[in-house]
């Protein structure tokens, strides 16, 4: 399983509905993520650009993309960002691999 960071910003109408009838974002998120064979590691409300932050374990990029598509299609979010996450050892392995790569940047 791979880790993914989901960042969601609710629409004004979604916030209006939640203020009138507070419901657990954890329950909603668990339902969609588990239906696509994933598991929630943590979930937080936030303020700023995004309203909800979720860290998950998902079996594949396809499953993570399906979460994004399903939630976006629901109409309650105005924006959503999905970021694949790497463990520190994976990041170090990527750096080592990059050191052996051949790349020529554009030149003027």
PDB file of N, CA and C in Angstrom:
ATOM      1  N   UNK A   1       0.846  -1.178   0.000  1.00  0.00           N
ATOM      2  CA  UNK A   1       0.000   0.000   0.000  1.00  0.00           C
ATOM      3  C   UNK A   1       0.889   1.238   0.000  1.00  0.00           C
ATOM      4  N   UNK A   2       0.418   2.244  -0.693  1.00  0.00           N
ATOM      5  CA  UNK A   2       1.117   3.524  -0.774  1.00  0.00           C
ATOM      6  C   UNK A   2       0.313   4.590  -0.033  1.00  0.00           C
ATOM      7  N   UNK A   3       1.023   5.601   0.431  1.00  0.00           N
ATOM      8  CA  UNK A   3       0.369   6.688   1.174  1.00  0.00           C
ATOM      9  C   UNK A   3       0.048   7.841   0.230  1.00  0.00           C
ATOM     10  N   UNK A   4      -1.097   8.475   0.506  1.00  0.00           N
ATOM     11  CA  UNK A   4      -1.550   9.631  -0.260  1.00  0.00           C
ATOM     12  C   UNK A   4      -2.071  10.689   0.695  1.00  0.00           C
ATOM     13  N   UNK A   5      -1.828  11.935   0.332  1.00  0.00           N
ATOM     14  CA  UNK A   5      -2.361  13.084   1.046  1.00  0.00           C
ATOM     15  C   UNK A   5      -3.487  13.666   0.204  1.00  0.00           C
ATOM     16  N   UNK A   6      -4.679  13.731   0.776  1.00  0.00           N
ATOM     17  CA  UNK A   6      -5.820  14.366   0.126  1.00  0.00           C
ATOM     18  C   UNK A   6      -6.090  15.681   0.844  1.00  0.00           C
ATOM     19  N   UNK A   7      -6.200  16.770   0.088  1.00  0.00           N
ATOM     20  CA  UNK A   7      -6.527  18.080   0.638  1.00  0.00           C
ATOM     21  C   UNK A   7      -7.803  18.542  -0.057  1.00  0.00           C
ATOM     22  N   UNK A   8      -8.823  18.891   0.734  1.00  0.00           N
ATOM     23  CA  UNK A   8     -10.120  19.270   0.183  1.00  0.00           C
ATOM     24  C   UNK A   8     -10.551  20.631   0.691  1.00  0.00           C
ATOM     25  N   UNK A   9     -11.177  21.398  -0.186  1.00  0.00           N
ATOM     26  CA  UNK A   9     -11.790  22.673   0.191  1.00  0.00           C
ATOM     27  C   UNK A   9     -13.282  22.555  -0.106  1.00  0.00           C
ATOM     28  N   UNK A  10     -14.108  22.735   0.911  1.00  0.00           N
ATOM     29  CA  UNK A  10     -15.560  22.649   0.758  1.00  0.00           C
ATOM     30  C   UNK A  10     -16.128  23.871   0.046  1.00  0.00           C
ATOM     31  N   UNK A  11     -17.256  23.690  -0.602  1.00  0.00           N
ATOM     32  CA  UNK A  11     -18.010  24.818  -1.158  1.00  0.00           C
ATOM     33  C   UNK A  11     -18.723  25.531  -0.010  1.00  0.00           C
ATOM     34  N   UNK A  12     -19.170  26.739  -0.270  1.00  0.00           N
ATOM     35  CA  UNK A  12     -19.959  27.466   0.726  1.00  0.00           C
ATOM     36  C   UNK A  12     -21.231  26.719   1.086  1.00  0.00           C
ATOM     37  N   UNK A  13     -21.893  26.136   0.096  1.00  0.00           N
ATOM     38  CA  UNK A  13     -23.119  25.371   0.360  1.00  0.00           C
ATOM     39  C   UNK A  13     -22.834  24.155   1.252  1.00  0.00           C
ATOM     40  N   UNK A  14     -21.694  23.507   1.038  1.00  0.00           N
ATOM     41  CA  UNK A  14     -21.344  22.353   1.865  1.00  0.00           C
ATOM     42  C   UNK A  14     -21.127  22.777   3.319  1.00  0.00           C
ATOM     43  N   UNK A  15     -20.472  23.941   3.513  1.00  0.00           N
ATOM     44  CA  UNK A  15     -20.282  24.439   4.878  1.00  0.00           C
ATOM     45  C   UNK A  15     -21.618  24.809   5.506  1.00  0.00           C
ATOM     46  N   UNK A  16     -22.500  25.417   4.740  1.00  0.00           N
ATOM     47  CA  UNK A  16     -23.825  25.771   5.258  1.00  0.00           C
ATOM     48  C   UNK A  16     -24.548  24.524   5.742  1.00  0.00           C
ATOM     49  N   UNK A  17     -24.514  23.471   4.950  1.00  0.00           N
ATOM     50  CA  UNK A  17     -25.172  22.213   5.327  1.00  0.00           C
ATOM     51  C   UNK A  17     -24.547  21.617   6.591  1.00  0.00           C
ATOM     52  N   UNK A  18     -23.213  21.687   6.697  1.00  0.00           N
ATOM     53  CA  UNK A  18     -22.532  21.103   7.856  1.00  0.00           C
ATOM     54  C   UNK A  18     -22.768  21.910   9.131  1.00  0.00           C
ATOM     55  N   UNK A  19     -22.867  23.235   9.000  1.00  0.00           N
ATOM     56  CA  UNK A  19     -23.137  24.056  10.181  1.00  0.00           C
ATOM     57  C   UNK A  19     -24.557  23.806  10.680  1.00  0.00           C
ATOM     58  N   UNK A  20     -25.504  23.668   9.741  1.00  0.00           N
ATOM     59  CA  UNK A  20     -26.890  23.393  10.130  1.00  0.00           C
ATOM     60  C   UNK A  20     -27.060  21.992  10.701  1.00  0.00           C
ATOM     61  N   UNK A  21     -26.292  21.044  10.172  1.00  0.00           N
ATOM     62  CA  UNK A  21     -26.420  19.649  10.588  1.00  0.00           C
ATOM     63  C   UNK A  21     -25.028  19.013  10.615  1.00  0.00           C
ATOM     64  N   UNK A  22     -24.250  19.271  11.697  1.00  0.00           N
ATOM     65  CA  UNK A  22     -22.888  18.750  11.760  1.00  0.00           C
ATOM     66  C   UNK A  22     -22.850  17.219  11.627  1.00  0.00           C
ATOM     67  N   UNK A  23     -21.971  16.766  10.752  1.00  0.00           N
ATOM     68  CA  UNK A  23     -21.779  15.336  10.525  1.00  0.00           C
ATOM     69  C   UNK A  23     -20.285  15.064  10.455  1.00  0.00           C
ATOM     70  N   UNK A  24     -19.896  13.872  10.819  1.00  0.00           N
ATOM     71  CA  UNK A  24     -18.480  13.516  10.873  1.00  0.00           C
ATOM     72  C   UNK A  24     -17.876  13.364   9.478  1.00  0.00           C
ATOM     73  N   UNK A  25     -16.871  14.176   9.198  1.00  0.00           N
ATOM     74  CA  UNK A  25     -16.120  14.017   7.952  1.00  0.00           C
ATOM     75  C   UNK A  25     -15.379  12.685   7.956  1.00  0.00           C
ATOM     76  N   UNK A  26     -14.994  12.223   9.147  1.00  0.00           N
ATOM     77  CA  UNK A  26     -14.297  10.940   9.242  1.00  0.00           C
ATOM     78  C   UNK A  26     -15.184   9.805   8.746  1.00  0.00           C
ATOM     79  N   UNK A  27     -16.453   9.823   9.105  1.00  0.00           N
ATOM     80  CA  UNK A  27     -17.363   8.769   8.641  1.00  0.00           C
ATOM     81  C   UNK A  27     -17.509   8.791   7.126  1.00  0.00           C
ATOM     82  N   UNK A  28     -17.695   9.992   6.555  1.00  0.00           N
ATOM     83  CA  UNK A  28     -17.844  10.098   5.097  1.00  0.00           C
ATOM     84  C   UNK A  28     -16.570   9.653   4.388  1.00  0.00           C
ATOM     85  N   UNK A  29     -15.433  10.106   4.875  1.00  0.00           N
ATOM     86  CA  UNK A  29     -14.156   9.762   4.242  1.00  0.00           C
ATOM     87  C   UNK A  29     -13.868   8.276   4.354  1.00  0.00           C
ATOM     88  N   UNK A  30     -14.143   7.698   5.531  1.00  0.00           N
ATOM     89  CA  UNK A  30     -13.910   6.268   5.725  1.00  0.00           C
ATOM     90  C   UNK A  30     -14.721   5.450   4.729  1.00  0.00           C
ATOM     91  N   UNK A  31     -15.965   5.835   4.524  1.00  0.00           N
ATOM     92  CA  UNK A  31     -16.835   5.100   3.604  1.00  0.00           C
ATOM     93  C   UNK A  31     -16.249   5.060   2.202  1.00  0.00           C
ATOM     94  N   UNK A  32     -15.880   6.210   1.660  1.00  0.00           N
ATOM     95  CA  UNK A  32     -15.383   6.228   0.276  1.00  0.00           C
ATOM     96  C   UNK A  32     -14.006   5.581   0.165  1.00  0.00           C
ATOM     97  N   UNK A  33     -13.139   5.830   1.113  1.00  0.00           N
ATOM     98  CA  UNK A  33     -11.777   5.284   1.033  1.00  0.00           C
ATOM     99  C   UNK A  33     -11.777   3.769   1.211  1.00  0.00           C
ATOM    100  N   UNK A  34     -12.544   3.267   2.178  1.00  0.00           N
ATOM    101  CA  UNK A  34     -12.602   1.814   2.366  1.00  0.00           C
ATOM    102  C   UNK A  34     -13.311   1.122   1.203  1.00  0.00           C
ATOM    103  N   UNK A  35     -14.264   1.792   0.566  1.00  0.00           N
ATOM    104  CA  UNK A  35     -14.941   1.183  -0.581  1.00  0.00           C
ATOM    105  C   UNK A  35     -13.983   0.993  -1.756  1.00  0.00           C
ATOM    106  N   UNK A  36     -12.849   1.706  -1.721  1.00  0.00           N
ATOM    107  CA  UNK A  36     -11.831   1.568  -2.759  1.00  0.00           C
ATOM    108  C   UNK A  36     -10.564   0.914  -2.201  1.00  0.00           C
ATOM    109  N   UNK A  37     -10.762   0.074  -1.171  1.00  0.00           N
ATOM    110  CA  UNK A  37      -9.710  -0.772  -0.581  1.00  0.00           C
ATOM    111  C   UNK A  37      -8.609  -0.003   0.125  1.00  0.00           C
ATOM    112  N   UNK A  38      -8.905   1.217   0.568  1.00  0.00           N
ATOM    113  CA  UNK A  38      -7.921   2.006   1.291  1.00  0.00           C
ATOM    114  C   UNK A  38      -8.211   2.061   2.775  1.00  0.00           C
ATOM    115  N   UNK A  39      -7.332   2.752   3.483  1.00  0.00           N
ATOM    116  CA  UNK A  39      -7.471   2.911   4.932  1.00  0.00           C
ATOM    117  C   UNK A  39      -7.005   4.322   5.310  1.00  0.00           C
ATOM    118  N   UNK A  40      -7.737   4.955   6.211  1.00  0.00           N
ATOM    119  CA  UNK A  40      -7.351   6.291   6.683  1.00  0.00           C
ATOM    120  C   UNK A  40      -6.320   6.156   7.792  1.00  0.00           C
ATOM    121  N   UNK A  41      -5.215   6.871   7.630  1.00  0.00           N
ATOM    122  CA  UNK A  41      -4.206   6.945   8.684  1.00  0.00           C
ATOM    123  C   UNK A  41      -4.533   8.081   9.643  1.00  0.00           C
ATOM    124  N   UNK A  42      -4.922   9.243   9.073  1.00  0.00           N
ATOM    125  CA  UNK A  42      -5.310  10.381   9.905  1.00  0.00           C
ATOM    126  C   UNK A  42      -6.164  11.340   9.080  1.00  0.00           C
ATOM    127  N   UNK A  43      -6.964  12.110   9.793  1.00  0.00           N
ATOM    128  CA  UNK A  43      -7.844  13.093   9.164  1.00  0.00           C
ATOM    129  C   UNK A  43      -7.917  14.304  10.080  1.00  0.00           C
ATOM    130  N   UNK A  44      -7.802  15.481   9.498  1.00  0.00           N
ATOM    131  CA  UNK A  44      -7.836  16.722  10.264  1.00  0.00           C
ATOM    132  C   UNK A  44      -8.678  17.766   9.554  1.00  0.00           C
ATOM    133  N   UNK A  45      -9.424  18.556  10.319  1.00  0.00           N
ATOM    134  CA  UNK A  45      -9.970  19.797   9.793  1.00  0.00           C
ATOM    135  C   UNK A  45      -8.830  20.803   9.829  1.00  0.00           C
ATOM    136  N   UNK A  46      -8.837  21.727   8.899  1.00  0.00           N
ATOM    137  CA  UNK A  46      -7.782  22.737   8.836  1.00  0.00           C
ATOM    138  C   UNK A  46      -8.414  24.068   8.455  1.00  0.00           C
ATOM    139  N   UNK A  47      -7.667  25.137   8.565  1.00  0.00           N
ATOM    140  CA  UNK A  47      -8.127  26.405   8.021  1.00  0.00           C
ATOM    141  C   UNK A  47      -7.013  26.959   7.171  1.00  0.00           C
ATOM    142  N   UNK A  48      -7.403  27.719   6.183  1.00  0.00           N
ATOM    143  CA  UNK A  48      -6.475  28.183   5.161  1.00  0.00           C
ATOM    144  C   UNK A  48      -7.036  27.784   3.816  1.00  0.00           C
ATOM    145  N   UNK A  49      -6.170  27.408   2.904  1.00  0.00           N
ATOM    146  CA  UNK A  49      -6.595  27.054   1.553  1.00  0.00           C
ATOM    147  C   UNK A  49      -7.463  25.801   1.520  1.00  0.00           C
ATOM    148  N   UNK A  50      -7.161  24.837   2.390  1.00  0.00           N
ATOM    149  CA  UNK A  50      -7.915  23.581   2.430  1.00  0.00           C
ATOM    150  C   UNK A  50      -8.603  23.423   3.778  1.00  0.00           C
ATOM    151  N   UNK A  51      -9.766  22.783   3.750  1.00  0.00           N
ATOM    152  CA  UNK A  51     -10.579  22.608   4.948  1.00  0.00           C
ATOM    153  C   UNK A  51     -10.410  21.249   5.606  1.00  0.00           C
ATOM    154  N   UNK A  52      -9.993  20.273   4.834  1.00  0.00           N
ATOM    155  CA  UNK A  52      -9.875  18.910   5.332  1.00  0.00           C
ATOM    156  C   UNK A  52      -8.599  18.298   4.777  1.00  0.00           C
ATOM    157  N   UNK A  53      -7.838  17.649   5.648  1.00  0.00           N
ATOM    158  CA  UNK A  53      -6.589  16.983   5.279  1.00  0.00           C
ATOM    159  C   UNK A  53      -6.740  15.513   5.667  1.00  0.00           C
ATOM    160  N   UNK A  54      -6.475  14.619   4.713  1.00  0.00           N
ATOM    161  CA  UNK A  54      -6.589  13.182   4.988  1.00  0.00           C
ATOM    162  C   UNK A  54      -5.328  12.500   4.496  1.00  0.00           C
ATOM    163  N   UNK A  55      -4.731  11.666   5.335  1.00  0.00           N
ATOM    164  CA  UNK A  55      -3.605  10.824   4.933  1.00  0.00           C
ATOM    165  C   UNK A  55      -4.112   9.396   4.913  1.00  0.00           C
ATOM    166  N   UNK A  56      -3.894   8.725   3.774  1.00  0.00           N
ATOM    167  CA  UNK A  56      -4.439   7.385   3.584  1.00  0.00           C
ATOM    168  C   UNK A  56      -3.374   6.401   3.138  1.00  0.00           C
ATOM    169  N   UNK A  57      -3.708   5.135   3.251  1.00  0.00           N
ATOM    170  CA  UNK A  57      -2.992   4.054   2.586  1.00  0.00           C
ATOM    171  C   UNK A  57      -3.926   3.558   1.500  1.00  0.00           C
ATOM    172  N   UNK A  58      -3.456   3.549   0.257  1.00  0.00           N
ATOM    173  CA  UNK A  58      -4.263   3.097  -0.872  1.00  0.00           C
ATOM    174  C   UNK A  58      -3.462   2.051  -1.648  1.00  0.00           C
ATOM    175  N   UNK A  59      -4.146   1.072  -2.244  1.00  0.00           N
ATOM    176  CA  UNK A  59      -3.419   0.013  -2.954  1.00  0.00           C
ATOM    177  C   UNK A  59      -2.781   0.465  -4.269  1.00  0.00           C
ATOM    178  N   UNK A  60      -3.256   1.552  -4.875  1.00  0.00           N
ATOM    179  CA  UNK A  60      -2.687   1.961  -6.165  1.00  0.00           C
ATOM    180  C   UNK A  60      -3.059   3.397  -6.489  1.00  0.00           C
ATOM    181  N   UNK A  61      -2.370   3.940  -7.493  1.00  0.00           N
ATOM    182  CA  UNK A  61      -2.711   5.266  -7.998  1.00  0.00           C
ATOM    183  C   UNK A  61      -4.142   5.289  -8.532  1.00  0.00           C
ATOM    184  N   UNK A  62      -4.562   4.196  -9.145  1.00  0.00           N
ATOM    185  CA  UNK A  62      -5.919   4.120  -9.692  1.00  0.00           C
ATOM    186  C   UNK A  62      -6.950   4.273  -8.580  1.00  0.00           C
ATOM    187  N   UNK A  63      -6.751   3.579  -7.460  1.00  0.00           N
ATOM    188  CA  UNK A  63      -7.686   3.677  -6.343  1.00  0.00           C
ATOM    189  C   UNK A  63      -7.680   5.085  -5.746  1.00  0.00           C
ATOM    190  N   UNK A  64      -6.486   5.689  -5.630  1.00  0.00           N
ATOM    191  CA  UNK A  64      -6.397   7.058  -5.103  1.00  0.00           C
ATOM    192  C   UNK A  64      -7.090   8.042  -6.037  1.00  0.00           C
ATOM    193  N   UNK A  65      -6.898   7.877  -7.339  1.00  0.00           N
ATOM    194  CA  UNK A  65      -7.568   8.748  -8.306  1.00  0.00           C
ATOM    195  C   UNK A  65      -9.079   8.561  -8.232  1.00  0.00           C
ATOM    196  N   UNK A  66      -9.524   7.331  -8.012  1.00  0.00           N
ATOM    197  CA  UNK A  66     -10.964   7.063  -7.910  1.00  0.00           C
ATOM    198  C   UNK A  66     -11.567   7.774  -6.705  1.00  0.00           C
ATOM    199  N   UNK A  67     -10.843   7.831  -5.595  1.00  0.00           N
ATOM    200  CA  UNK A  67     -11.318   8.589  -4.433  1.00  0.00           C
ATOM    201  C   UNK A  67     -11.502  10.049  -4.834  1.00  0.00           C
ATOM    202  N   UNK A  68     -10.500  10.619  -5.460  1.00  0.00           N
ATOM    203  CA  UNK A  68     -10.559  12.020  -5.881  1.00  0.00           C
ATOM    204  C   UNK A  68     -11.735  12.272  -6.809  1.00  0.00           C
ATOM    205  N   UNK A  69     -11.912  11.410  -7.781  1.00  0.00           N
ATOM    206  CA  UNK A  69     -12.999  11.572  -8.744  1.00  0.00           C
ATOM    207  C   UNK A  69     -14.365  11.458  -8.074  1.00  0.00           C
ATOM    208  N   UNK A  70     -14.524  10.442  -7.208  1.00  0.00           N
ATOM    209  CA  UNK A  70     -15.814  10.235  -6.539  1.00  0.00           C
ATOM    210  C   UNK A  70     -16.175  11.425  -5.656  1.00  0.00           C
ATOM    211  N   UNK A  71     -15.203  11.903  -4.892  1.00  0.00           N
ATOM    212  CA  UNK A  71     -15.472  13.036  -3.995  1.00  0.00           C
ATOM    213  C   UNK A  71     -15.744  14.301  -4.809  1.00  0.00           C
ATOM    214  N   UNK A  72     -14.941  14.543  -5.825  1.00  0.00           N
ATOM    215  CA  UNK A  72     -15.145  15.734  -6.663  1.00  0.00           C
ATOM    216  C   UNK A  72     -16.501  15.703  -7.351  1.00  0.00           C
ATOM    217  N   UNK A  73     -16.919  14.537  -7.802  1.00  0.00           N
ATOM    218  CA  UNK A  73     -18.203  14.399  -8.488  1.00  0.00           C
ATOM    219  C   UNK A  73     -19.388  14.621  -7.554  1.00  0.00           C
ATOM    220  N   UNK A  74     -19.166  14.498  -6.247  1.00  0.00           N
ATOM    221  CA  UNK A  74     -20.242  14.688  -5.283  1.00  0.00           C
ATOM    222  C   UNK A  74     -20.719  16.122  -5.165  1.00  0.00           C
ATOM    223  N   UNK A  75     -19.892  17.088  -5.573  1.00  0.00           N
ATOM    224  CA  UNK A  75     -20.302  18.478  -5.589  1.00  0.00           C
ATOM    225  C   UNK A  75     -20.085  19.265  -4.304  1.00  0.00           C
ATOM    226  N   UNK A  76     -19.597  18.637  -3.240  1.00  0.00           N
ATOM    227  CA  UNK A  76     -19.421  19.345  -1.972  1.00  0.00           C
ATOM    228  C   UNK A  76     -18.057  20.004  -1.836  1.00  0.00           C
ATOM    229  N   UNK A  77     -17.138  19.689  -2.740  1.00  0.00           N
ATOM    230  CA  UNK A  77     -15.813  20.312  -2.675  1.00  0.00           C
ATOM    231  C   UNK A  77     -15.594  21.198  -3.887  1.00  0.00           C
ATOM    232  N   UNK A  78     -14.954  22.346  -3.637  1.00  0.00           N
ATOM    233  CA  UNK A  78     -14.655  23.258  -4.748  1.00  0.00           C
ATOM    234  C   UNK A  78     -13.271  22.990  -5.315  1.00  0.00           C
ATOM    235  N   UNK A  79     -12.398  22.386  -4.501  1.00  0.00           N
ATOM    236  CA  UNK A  79     -11.087  21.987  -5.000  1.00  0.00           C
ATOM    237  C   UNK A  79     -10.558  20.841  -4.152  1.00  0.00           C
ATOM    238  N   UNK A  80      -9.756  20.016  -4.825  1.00  0.00           N
ATOM    239  CA  UNK A  80      -9.176  18.856  -4.147  1.00  0.00           C
ATOM    240  C   UNK A  80      -7.822  18.587  -4.767  1.00  0.00           C
ATOM    241  N   UNK A  81      -6.856  18.291  -3.928  1.00  0.00           N
ATOM    242  CA  UNK A  81      -5.511  17.961  -4.394  1.00  0.00           C
ATOM    243  C   UNK A  81      -5.125  16.619  -3.806  1.00  0.00           C
ATOM    244  N   UNK A  82      -4.569  15.749  -4.634  1.00  0.00           N
ATOM    245  CA  UNK A  82      -4.106  14.440  -4.191  1.00  0.00           C
ATOM    246  C   UNK A  82      -2.606  14.374  -4.425  1.00  0.00           C
ATOM    247  N   UNK A  83      -1.856  14.051  -3.375  1.00  0.00           N
ATOM    248  CA  UNK A  83      -0.402  14.003  -3.461  1.00  0.00           C
ATOM    249  C   UNK A  83       0.096  12.634  -3.010  1.00  0.00           C
ATOM    250  N   UNK A  84       0.798  11.896  -3.891  1.00  0.00           N
ATOM    251  CA  UNK A  84       1.424  10.658  -3.455  1.00  0.00           C
ATOM    252  C   UNK A  84       2.547  10.993  -2.461  1.00  0.00           C
ATOM    253  N   UNK A  85       2.680  10.193  -1.424  1.00  0.00           N
ATOM    254  CA  UNK A  85       3.703  10.422  -0.402  1.00  0.00           C
ATOM    255  C   UNK A  85       4.733   9.289  -0.433  1.00  0.00           C
ATOM    256  N   UNK A  86       5.981   9.630  -0.142  1.00  0.00           N
ATOM    257  CA  UNK A  86       7.035   8.623  -0.058  1.00  0.00           C
ATOM    258  C   UNK A  86       7.611   8.597   1.348  1.00  0.00           C
ATOM    259  N   UNK A  87       7.953   7.408   1.807  1.00  0.00           N
ATOM    260  CA  UNK A  87       8.691   7.271   3.063  1.00  0.00           C
ATOM    261  C   UNK A  87      10.078   7.885   2.855  1.00  0.00           C
ATOM    262  N   UNK A  88      10.764   8.232   3.932  1.00  0.00           N
ATOM    263  CA  UNK A  88      12.086   8.854   3.839  1.00  0.00           C
ATOM    264  C   UNK A  88      13.044   7.962   3.051  1.00  0.00           C
ATOM    265  N   UNK A  89      13.045   6.660   3.325  1.00  0.00           N
ATOM    266  CA  UNK A  89      13.944   5.746   2.615  1.00  0.00           C
ATOM    267  C   UNK A  89      13.660   5.738   1.112  1.00  0.00           C
ATOM    268  N   UNK A  90      12.387   5.848   0.735  1.00  0.00           N
ATOM    269  CA  UNK A  90      12.040   5.909  -0.686  1.00  0.00           C
ATOM    270  C   UNK A  90      12.550   7.201  -1.313  1.00  0.00           C
ATOM    271  N   UNK A  91      12.447   8.295  -0.589  1.00  0.00           N
ATOM    272  CA  UNK A  91      12.967   9.573  -1.077  1.00  0.00           C
ATOM    273  C   UNK A  91      14.469   9.521  -1.273  1.00  0.00           C
ATOM    274  N   UNK A  92      15.168   8.910  -0.312  1.00  0.00           N
ATOM    275  CA  UNK A  92      16.623   8.766  -0.434  1.00  0.00           C
ATOM    276  C   UNK A  92      16.980   7.882  -1.628  1.00  0.00           C
ATOM    277  N   UNK A  93      16.229   6.801  -1.834  1.00  0.00           N
ATOM    278  CA  UNK A  93      16.472   5.925  -2.983  1.00  0.00           C
ATOM    279  C   UNK A  93      16.260   6.691  -4.284  1.00  0.00           C
ATOM    280  N   UNK A  94      15.245   7.552  -4.320  1.00  0.00           N
ATOM    281  CA  UNK A  94      14.997   8.365  -5.512  1.00  0.00           C
ATOM    282  C   UNK A  94      16.165   9.325  -5.762  1.00  0.00           C
ATOM    283  N   UNK A  95      16.709   9.906  -4.694  1.00  0.00           N
ATOM    284  CA  UNK A  95      17.861  10.802  -4.842  1.00  0.00           C
ATOM    285  C   UNK A  95      19.067  10.056  -5.383  1.00  0.00           C
ATOM    286  N   UNK A  96      19.290   8.841  -4.869  1.00  0.00           N
ATOM    287  CA  UNK A  96      20.417   8.033  -5.353  1.00  0.00           C
ATOM    288  C   UNK A  96      20.233   7.690  -6.830  1.00  0.00           C
ATOM    289  N   UNK A  97      19.017   7.339  -7.207  1.00  0.00           N
ATOM    290  CA  UNK A  97      18.740   7.020  -8.609  1.00  0.00           C
ATOM    291  C   UNK A  97      18.939   8.257  -9.480  1.00  0.00           C
ATOM    292  N   UNK A  98      18.511   9.434  -8.986  1.00  0.00           N
ATOM    293  CA  UNK A  98      18.670  10.674  -9.749  1.00  0.00           C
ATOM    294  C   UNK A  98      20.142  10.985  -9.987  1.00  0.00           C
ATOM    295  N   UNK A  99      20.993  10.599  -9.040  1.00  0.00           N
ATOM    296  CA  UNK A  99      22.429  10.863  -9.179  1.00  0.00           C
ATOM    297  C   UNK A  99      23.021  10.092 -10.353  1.00  0.00           C
ATOM    298  N   UNK A 100      22.393   9.009 -10.775  1.00  0.00           N
ATOM    299  CA  UNK A 100      22.906   8.209 -11.890  1.00  0.00           C
ATOM    300  C   UNK A 100      22.209   8.535 -13.206  1.00  0.00           C
ATOM    301  N   UNK A 101      21.205   9.407 -13.160  1.00  0.00           N
ATOM    302  CA  UNK A 101      20.445   9.742 -14.360  1.00  0.00           C
ATOM    303  C   UNK A 101      21.233  10.665 -15.279  1.00  0.00           C
ATOM    304  N   UNK A 102      20.987  10.531 -16.561  1.00  0.00           N
ATOM    305  CA  UNK A 102      21.580  11.423 -17.545  1.00  0.00           C
ATOM    306  C   UNK A 102      20.510  12.408 -17.974  1.00  0.00           C
ATOM    307  N   UNK A 103      20.790  13.687 -17.774  1.00  0.00           N
ATOM    308  CA  UNK A 103      19.810  14.725 -18.120  1.00  0.00           C
ATOM    309  C   UNK A 103      20.547  15.953 -18.601  1.00  0.00           C
ATOM    310  N   UNK A 104      20.056  16.550 -19.663  1.00  0.00           N
ATOM    311  CA  UNK A 104      20.618  17.800 -20.178  1.00  0.00           C
ATOM    312  C   UNK A 104      19.532  18.862 -20.127  1.00  0.00           C
ATOM    313  N   UNK A 105      19.699  19.890 -19.291  1.00  0.00           N
ATOM    314  CA  UNK A 105      18.673  20.940 -19.212  1.00  0.00           C
ATOM    315  C   UNK A 105      18.670  21.764 -20.497  1.00  0.00           C
ATOM    316  N   UNK A 106      17.542  22.439 -20.754  1.00  0.00           N
ATOM    317  CA  UNK A 106      17.496  23.297 -21.934  1.00  0.00           C
ATOM    318  C   UNK A 106      18.559  24.394 -21.846  1.00  0.00           C
ATOM    319  N   UNK A 107      19.062  24.773 -22.992  1.00  0.00           N
ATOM    320  CA  UNK A 107      20.056  25.851 -22.998  1.00  0.00           C
ATOM    321  C   UNK A 107      19.623  26.935 -23.978  1.00  0.00           C
ATOM    322  N   UNK A 108      20.171  28.104 -23.764  1.00  0.00           N
ATOM    323  CA  UNK A 108      19.797  29.252 -24.613  1.00  0.00           C
ATOM    324  C   UNK A 108      20.567  29.245 -25.909  1.00  0.00           C
TER     325      UNK A 108
END
